[in-house]
Amino acid sequence: MAITLTQEDSPVAIRSVEGAYLDSAGSPAAAALTLGFSPQYVCWLNATDRIQYEWYKGMANGTTLKTVAAGTRTLDTADVAISVTNGVVTIGAAAILQNKQNYWSAR
């Protein structure tokens, strides 16, 4: 059995940003969040329906850890909820529902 461990020390200053998002459009579109840095972790929370998507550095774009209101956690590869490219986080339309209050954080 082999054990593989990787570690990346944090920089002196840890970058972190958070916000709220509400889309009242009939068909919400994807959202682009320009951070100015490449995050290690991104969380998108639909507070209305209690659905949370989490992306960690090293995960493929579009792959998230999804937690629903009942507490069920799955590795979601179909929703394309979160993708990260050069400091821009894209939240897929599948995660943005009409008139739902969303909160997000990245660090």
Foldseek 3Di string as FASTA:
>chain_A
DDDDDDDDDDDPDDDKDKDKDAAQDPQDFKDKDAAQDFFQKKKKAQPQFGKIWIDGPPDAQQWTFIAGPVGDTDTDNPQSQWGTDPRMIIGGSSSHDHGTMMMMMTD
